[in-house]
Amino acid sequence: MNYIDTIEDFALKLNCRIVYKNELNGILKIDNQPDGIHNLIIGIAPPILIMEQYLFSFREDNMDMFKKLLQKNRDTIHGAFVINEEGDKVLFRYTMQLENIDFNELEGALNSLGLLLSEFSRQIIDFSKL
């Protein structure tokens, strides 16, 4: 199955804009400005699909920020806040199984991210200033 074409079709049906596509590496980058999604990276690495949305950078560890992000993870239905390998950026990350992926599942994941960004935007902005 050609997963990248399937995911691209789903994203287009959801009115997302394809910013970048690399079929060889299984990477899509999409935007959906009305939902606050900008440069969302979708990595297709069978058997999983990985979505990562960069949120903000931080200069030094802040236990209060980390605590609030972890608490918000508990309320988040799909996906979670994570820190990159270098330990200086916060991302939203969601993984799904590709074998049974369907339109509704991808739509739910994107809606969850959009809702999270709208509900938590003030705190994300504040965290980005730390």
Protein backbone atom coordinates (compact mmCIF):
# COMPACT_ATOMS: atom_id res chain seq x y z
CA MET A 1 0.00 0.00 0.00
CA ASN A 2 1.23 3.50 -0.81
CA TYR A 3 0.67 5.15 2.56
CA ILE A 4 2.06 8.55 1.65
CA ASP A 5 -0.53 9.03 -1.11
CA THR A 6 -3.32 7.90 1.22
CA ILE A 7 -2.25 10.31 3.97
CA GLU A 8 -1.83 13.11 1.43
CA ASP A 9 -5.37 12.47 0.12
CA PHE A 10 -6.76 12.51 3.67
CA ALA A 11 -4.93 15.77 4.45
CA LEU A 12 -6.24 17.43 1.29
CA LYS A 13 -9.80 16.34 2.13
CA LEU A 14 -9.30 18.06 5.50
CA ASN A 15 -8.37 21.29 3.69
CA CYS A 16 -4.73 21.04 4.70
CA ARG A 17 -2.08 22.48 2.44
CA ILE A 18 0.81 20.21 1.50
CA VAL A 19 3.93 22.30 2.09
CA TYR A 20 6.49 19.58 1.40
CA LYS A 21 6.45 15.98 0.22
CA ASN A 22 9.30 13.49 0.04
CA GLU A 23 8.01 10.10 -1.08
CA LEU A 24 11.41 8.42 -0.78
CA ASN A 25 11.72 9.28 2.93
CA GLY A 26 7.98 9.08 3.64
CA ILE A 27 7.65 12.69 4.81
CA LEU A 28 4.83 15.18 4.43
CA LYS A 29 4.71 18.67 5.88
CA ILE A 30 1.26 20.19 6.13
CA ASP A 31 -0.43 23.41 7.20
CA ASN A 32 -3.97 24.04 8.35
CA GLN A 33 -3.92 27.69 9.39
CA PRO A 34 -7.52 27.87 10.70
CA ASP A 35 -6.60 25.20 13.27
CA GLY A 36 -3.22 26.76 14.09
CA ILE A 37 -1.31 23.90 12.50
CA HIS A 38 1.84 25.13 10.80
CA ASN A 39 4.56 22.91 9.35
CA LEU A 40 3.23 19.72 10.91
CA ILE A 41 5.63 16.94 10.00
CA ILE A 42 4.07 13.59 9.16
CA GLY A 43 6.58 10.76 8.99
CA ILE A 44 5.51 7.47 7.48
CA ALA A 45 7.68 4.69 8.86
CA PRO A 46 5.72 1.45 8.54
CA PRO A 47 4.19 0.13 10.65
CA ILE A 48 3.62 3.57 12.21
CA LEU A 49 2.81 7.14 11.27
CA ILE A 50 4.42 9.87 13.38
CA MET A 51 3.08 13.42 13.56
CA GLU A 52 5.22 16.14 15.11
CA GLN A 53 4.35 19.81 15.50
CA TYR A 54 7.07 22.18 16.71
CA LEU A 55 5.63 24.44 19.40
CA PHE A 56 8.43 26.48 20.97
CA SER A 57 12.07 26.59 22.08
CA PHE A 58 13.32 27.17 25.58
CA ARG A 59 16.71 28.29 26.85
CA GLU A 60 16.89 26.64 30.24
CA ASP A 61 15.09 23.94 32.15
CA ASN A 62 12.03 25.17 33.95
CA MET A 63 10.44 22.66 36.31
CA ASP A 64 7.16 24.60 36.50
CA MET A 65 6.84 24.57 32.71
CA PHE A 66 7.63 20.85 32.51
CA LYS A 67 5.13 20.12 35.26
CA LYS A 68 2.36 22.07 33.49
CA LEU A 69 3.11 20.34 30.17
CA LEU A 70 2.94 16.92 31.82
CA GLN A 71 -0.31 17.83 33.54
CA LYS A 72 -1.76 18.95 30.20
CA ASN A 73 -0.63 15.62 28.68
CA ARG A 74 -3.02 13.93 31.08
CA ASP A 75 -5.94 15.96 29.67
CA THR A 76 -4.90 15.46 26.04
CA ILE A 77 -6.89 12.72 24.34
CA HIS A 78 -4.50 12.10 21.46
CA GLY A 79 -0.76 12.72 21.41
CA ALA A 80 1.51 14.36 23.95
CA PHE A 81 3.98 17.13 24.56
CA VAL A 82 7.57 15.93 24.11
CA ILE A 83 11.06 17.41 24.10
CA ASN A 84 13.44 16.93 21.17
CA GLU A 85 16.69 14.98 21.48
CA GLU A 86 18.72 18.15 22.02
CA GLY A 87 16.48 19.11 24.95
CA ASP A 88 15.70 22.65 23.78
CA LYS A 89 12.38 22.39 21.89
CA VAL A 90 8.87 21.33 22.83
CA LEU A 91 6.88 19.45 20.22
CA PHE A 92 3.49 17.84 20.05
CA ARG A 93 3.84 14.19 18.98
CA TYR A 94 1.26 11.63 17.99
CA THR A 95 1.79 8.14 16.61
CA MET A 96 -0.69 5.85 14.88
CA GLN A 97 -0.65 2.40 13.33
CA LEU A 98 -0.63 2.60 9.54
CA GLU A 99 -2.12 -0.80 8.79
CA ASN A 100 -5.68 0.23 9.68
CA ILE A 101 -5.45 4.01 9.34
CA ASP A 102 -8.53 5.68 7.97
CA PHE A 103 -9.76 9.19 7.27
CA ASN A 104 -11.61 9.53 10.59
CA GLU A 105 -8.54 8.61 12.60
CA LEU A 106 -6.35 11.20 10.91
CA GLU A 107 -9.14 13.77 11.17
CA GLY A 108 -9.45 13.07 14.91
CA ALA A 109 -5.71 13.47 15.41
CA LEU A 110 -5.62 16.81 13.58
CA ASN A 111 -8.73 18.04 15.38
CA SER A 112 -7.19 17.07 18.71
CA LEU A 113 -4.04 19.03 17.89
CA GLY A 114 -6.06 22.05 16.74
CA LEU A 115 -8.14 21.98 19.92
CA LEU A 116 -5.06 21.63 22.10
CA LEU A 117 -3.41 24.58 20.36
CA SER A 118 -6.48 26.76 20.81
CA GLU A 119 -7.08 25.80 24.45
CA PHE A 120 -3.44 25.98 25.54
CA SER A 121 -2.19 28.77 23.24
CA ARG A 122 -1.77 31.42 25.95
CA GLN A 123 0.42 29.10 28.03
CA ILE A 124 2.42 27.97 25.00
CA ILE A 125 3.13 31.63 24.18
CA ASP A 126 4.15 32.29 27.79
CA PHE A 127 6.40 29.21 27.83
CA SER A 128 8.08 30.34 24.61
CA LYS A 129 9.23 33.50 26.41
CA LEU A 130 11.11 31.58 29.12
